[in-house]
């Protein structure tokens, strides 16, 4: 069943825990980059041999059909050839610096070293939040945030979102954005941590 949905929000992480969360999530991102590079290299090698001595064989189309997740990295528009994947297309990021991550289409994670915050955003699409939560980098983000135990009154935050069914509510106060995740002290109110629309243009 169709379910168009989105979510986003900013979490302020306690100073002592921030480097741990940031390093863990960026390390997870780097592992996915290495896997993508390995997959692209594998697809390239297979494509080279698959069409060997086959007249008119279109290696680019074959890769797009059988290895769609990495096809963009080893094919070029208008060409039937495949190209060697390059490390620069799968950049690794330092685990100690501010970073903007795009672990998958429509998902943005931003670490800000000055503010000790992490911003998370999922663009609206069908089952977008559900799909994003299955990505290993996103899994790492939320798993590591849940491991933080030293929340303070000035830290924490909420992830807010909405979906097509909630927006269609006709009851009083229905259809409003709702919290999908909360982090921080139990007695704090984090609504002020949310910036509507922020991150949609990263």
Protein backbone atom coordinates (compact mmCIF):
# COMPACT_ATOMS: atom_id res chain seq x y z
CA UNK A 1 0.00 0.00 0.00
CA UNK A 2 1.25 3.46 -0.87
CA UNK A 3 2.46 5.67 1.97
CA UNK A 4 4.11 8.95 1.04
CA UNK A 5 6.04 10.18 4.05
CA UNK A 6 8.97 12.31 5.24
CA UNK A 7 10.85 13.08 8.44
CA UNK A 8 13.62 15.38 9.64
CA UNK A 9 15.02 17.06 12.72
CA UNK A 10 18.08 18.15 14.65
CA UNK A 11 19.54 16.46 17.72
CA UNK A 12 22.02 18.27 19.97
CA UNK A 13 24.41 15.66 21.34
CA UNK A 14 26.22 16.12 24.68
CA UNK A 15 29.78 17.35 24.12
CA UNK A 16 31.39 14.20 25.55
CA UNK A 17 29.29 11.84 23.41
CA UNK A 18 29.32 13.82 20.17
CA UNK A 19 32.74 12.57 18.87
CA UNK A 20 31.76 8.95 19.57
CA UNK A 21 28.46 9.20 17.67
CA UNK A 22 30.02 11.15 14.79
CA UNK A 23 32.95 8.73 14.38
CA UNK A 24 30.71 5.66 14.49
CA UNK A 25 28.27 6.97 11.87
CA UNK A 26 30.94 8.30 9.49
CA UNK A 27 32.84 5.00 9.82
CA UNK A 28 29.65 3.19 8.82
CA UNK A 29 29.31 5.53 5.84
CA UNK A 30 32.92 4.83 4.81
CA UNK A 31 32.27 1.09 4.96
CA UNK A 32 29.33 1.48 2.59
CA UNK A 33 31.51 3.54 0.24
CA UNK A 34 34.12 0.77 0.19
CA UNK A 35 31.42 -1.81 -0.50
CA UNK A 36 30.01 0.26 -3.37
CA UNK A 37 33.49 0.53 -4.88
CA UNK A 38 34.03 -3.23 -4.56
CA UNK A 39 30.62 -3.90 -6.14
CA UNK A 40 31.39 -1.50 -8.99
CA UNK A 41 34.73 -3.18 -9.65
CA UNK A 42 33.06 -6.57 -9.63
CA UNK A 43 30.34 -5.45 -12.03
CA UNK A 44 32.97 -3.96 -14.33
CA UNK A 45 34.96 -7.21 -14.47
CA UNK A 46 31.86 -9.32 -15.12
CA UNK A 47 30.61 -6.95 -17.81
CA UNK A 48 33.96 -7.12 -19.61
CA UNK A 49 33.82 -10.91 -19.94
CA UNK A 50 30.05 -11.29 -20.41
CA UNK A 51 30.03 -9.61 -23.81
CA UNK A 52 33.34 -11.00 -25.02
CA UNK A 53 33.20 -11.63 -28.80
CA UNK A 54 29.44 -10.93 -28.88
CA UNK A 55 28.84 -8.62 -31.82
CA UNK A 56 26.62 -5.67 -30.93
CA UNK A 57 26.59 -6.51 -27.22
CA UNK A 58 25.77 -3.41 -25.18
CA UNK A 59 27.77 -3.69 -21.95
CA UNK A 60 26.35 -0.47 -20.55
CA UNK A 61 22.76 -1.67 -20.88
CA UNK A 62 23.72 -5.04 -19.41
CA UNK A 63 25.21 -3.34 -16.33
CA UNK A 64 22.16 -1.09 -15.94
CA UNK A 65 19.91 -4.16 -16.01
CA UNK A 66 21.96 -6.45 -13.76
CA UNK A 67 23.92 -4.04 -11.53
CA UNK A 68 21.73 -0.95 -11.39
CA UNK A 69 23.04 0.26 -8.03
CA UNK A 70 26.55 0.85 -9.39
CA UNK A 71 25.81 1.36 -13.08
CA UNK A 72 26.05 5.15 -12.79
CA UNK A 73 29.70 4.87 -11.74
CA UNK A 74 30.89 2.68 -14.64
CA UNK A 75 28.76 3.83 -17.58
CA UNK A 76 28.42 7.08 -19.49
CA UNK A 77 25.39 8.52 -21.25
CA UNK A 78 25.40 7.68 -24.95
CA UNK A 79 28.11 5.02 -24.65
CA UNK A 80 27.76 1.24 -24.83
CA UNK A 81 31.04 0.71 -22.98
CA UNK A 82 31.81 0.20 -19.30
CA UNK A 83 34.54 2.15 -17.52
CA UNK A 84 36.85 1.35 -14.63
CA UNK A 85 35.36 2.67 -11.36
CA UNK A 86 37.41 5.39 -9.68
CA UNK A 87 38.16 5.81 -6.00
CA UNK A 88 37.28 9.53 -6.20
CA UNK A 89 33.67 8.59 -6.90
CA UNK A 90 33.53 6.74 -3.58
CA UNK A 91 35.20 9.27 -1.29
CA UNK A 92 35.96 8.37 2.30
CA UNK A 93 35.40 11.05 4.95
CA UNK A 94 37.50 11.83 8.04
CA UNK A 95 35.71 10.75 11.20
CA UNK A 96 36.77 13.85 13.15
CA UNK A 97 35.37 16.64 10.99
CA UNK A 98 31.94 18.12 10.28
CA UNK A 99 30.33 16.20 7.46
CA UNK A 100 27.38 16.07 5.10
CA UNK A 101 26.41 12.49 4.27
CA UNK A 102 24.04 11.24 1.60
CA UNK A 103 23.94 7.51 2.39
CA UNK A 104 21.16 6.89 -0.13
CA UNK A 105 18.83 8.86 -2.41
CA UNK A 106 16.76 11.42 -0.55
CA UNK A 107 18.52 10.99 2.80
CA UNK A 108 20.80 13.60 4.39
CA UNK A 109 22.81 13.43 7.62
CA UNK A 110 24.77 16.51 8.73
CA UNK A 111 27.25 16.61 11.61
CA UNK A 112 28.11 20.11 12.86
CA UNK A 113 31.23 20.17 15.07
CA UNK A 114 30.64 23.72 16.30
CA UNK A 115 27.09 23.09 17.51
CA UNK A 116 27.58 19.40 18.40
CA UNK A 117 24.44 18.57 16.46
CA UNK A 118 23.35 16.02 13.92
CA UNK A 119 20.63 16.85 11.39
CA UNK A 120 18.66 14.03 9.75
CA UNK A 121 16.32 14.43 6.78
CA UNK A 122 14.33 12.12 4.52
CA UNK A 123 12.71 13.67 1.43
CA UNK A 124 9.06 12.84 0.90
CA UNK A 125 8.45 9.75 -1.20
CA UNK A 126 6.58 6.46 -1.09
CA UNK A 127 7.73 4.49 1.99
CA UNK A 128 10.70 6.89 2.15
CA UNK A 129 11.19 6.77 5.93
CA UNK A 130 10.74 3.01 6.12
CA UNK A 131 13.31 2.48 3.36
CA UNK A 132 15.76 4.99 4.86
CA UNK A 133 15.63 3.30 8.27
CA UNK A 134 16.92 0.10 6.63
CA UNK A 135 20.07 1.80 5.34
CA UNK A 136 23.13 0.73 7.40
CA UNK A 137 24.31 4.31 7.94
CA UNK A 138 20.89 5.40 9.21
CA UNK A 139 20.73 2.29 11.39
CA UNK A 140 24.10 3.27 12.85
CA UNK A 141 22.93 6.85 13.49
CA UNK A 142 19.90 5.90 15.53
CA UNK A 143 21.60 2.98 17.29
CA UNK A 144 24.41 5.26 18.47
CA UNK A 145 22.03 8.03 19.54
CA UNK A 146 20.15 5.50 21.65
CA UNK A 147 23.42 4.52 23.35
CA UNK A 148 23.94 8.07 24.66
CA UNK A 149 23.22 8.17 28.40
CA UNK A 150 24.51 11.60 29.48
CA UNK A 151 21.74 13.79 28.04
CA UNK A 152 21.41 17.22 29.65
CA UNK A 153 18.65 19.83 29.70
CA UNK A 154 20.37 21.69 26.87
CA UNK A 155 20.80 18.60 24.69
CA UNK A 156 18.48 16.26 22.84
CA UNK A 157 15.84 16.87 20.24
CA UNK A 158 13.15 15.29 18.11
CA UNK A 159 12.74 13.93 14.62
CA UNK A 160 9.43 15.09 13.18
CA UNK A 161 7.54 13.87 10.15
CA UNK A 162 4.24 13.40 8.40
CA UNK A 163 2.55 11.09 5.92
CA UNK A 164 -0.30 11.17 3.44
CA UNK A 165 -2.76 9.38 5.75
CA UNK A 166 -2.15 11.65 8.74
CA UNK A 167 -2.45 14.76 6.57
CA UNK A 168 -5.86 13.55 5.43
CA UNK A 169 -7.24 13.60 8.99
CA UNK A 170 -10.42 15.66 9.39
CA UNK A 171 -10.56 15.63 13.19
CA UNK A 172 -9.71 18.65 15.38
CA UNK A 173 -5.97 19.38 15.26
CA UNK A 174 -5.52 16.44 12.89
CA UNK A 175 -2.93 16.27 10.16
CA UNK A 176 -0.15 18.02 12.09
CA UNK A 177 3.48 16.94 12.00
CA UNK A 178 4.31 14.34 14.67
CA UNK A 179 7.43 13.16 16.46
CA UNK A 180 8.95 9.95 15.10
CA UNK A 181 11.95 9.88 17.48
CA UNK A 182 12.90 11.72 20.69
CA UNK A 183 16.26 11.93 22.42
CA UNK A 184 17.20 13.63 25.67
CA UNK A 185 16.03 14.02 29.29
CA UNK A 186 12.58 12.63 29.93
CA UNK A 187 11.23 15.91 31.39
CA UNK A 188 12.36 18.20 28.56
CA UNK A 189 10.39 19.61 25.66
CA UNK A 190 12.38 19.58 22.42
CA UNK A 191 9.94 21.13 19.96
CA UNK A 192 12.20 24.16 19.62
CA UNK A 193 14.97 21.96 18.23
CA UNK A 194 13.02 21.31 15.02
CA UNK A 195 13.58 23.47 11.95
CA UNK A 196 10.79 22.94 9.44
CA UNK A 197 12.08 22.50 5.93
CA UNK A 198 15.76 22.64 6.95
CA UNK A 199 18.03 20.36 5.00
CA UNK A 200 15.71 19.80 2.05
CA UNK A 201 18.17 21.60 -0.21
CA UNK A 202 21.41 19.89 0.90
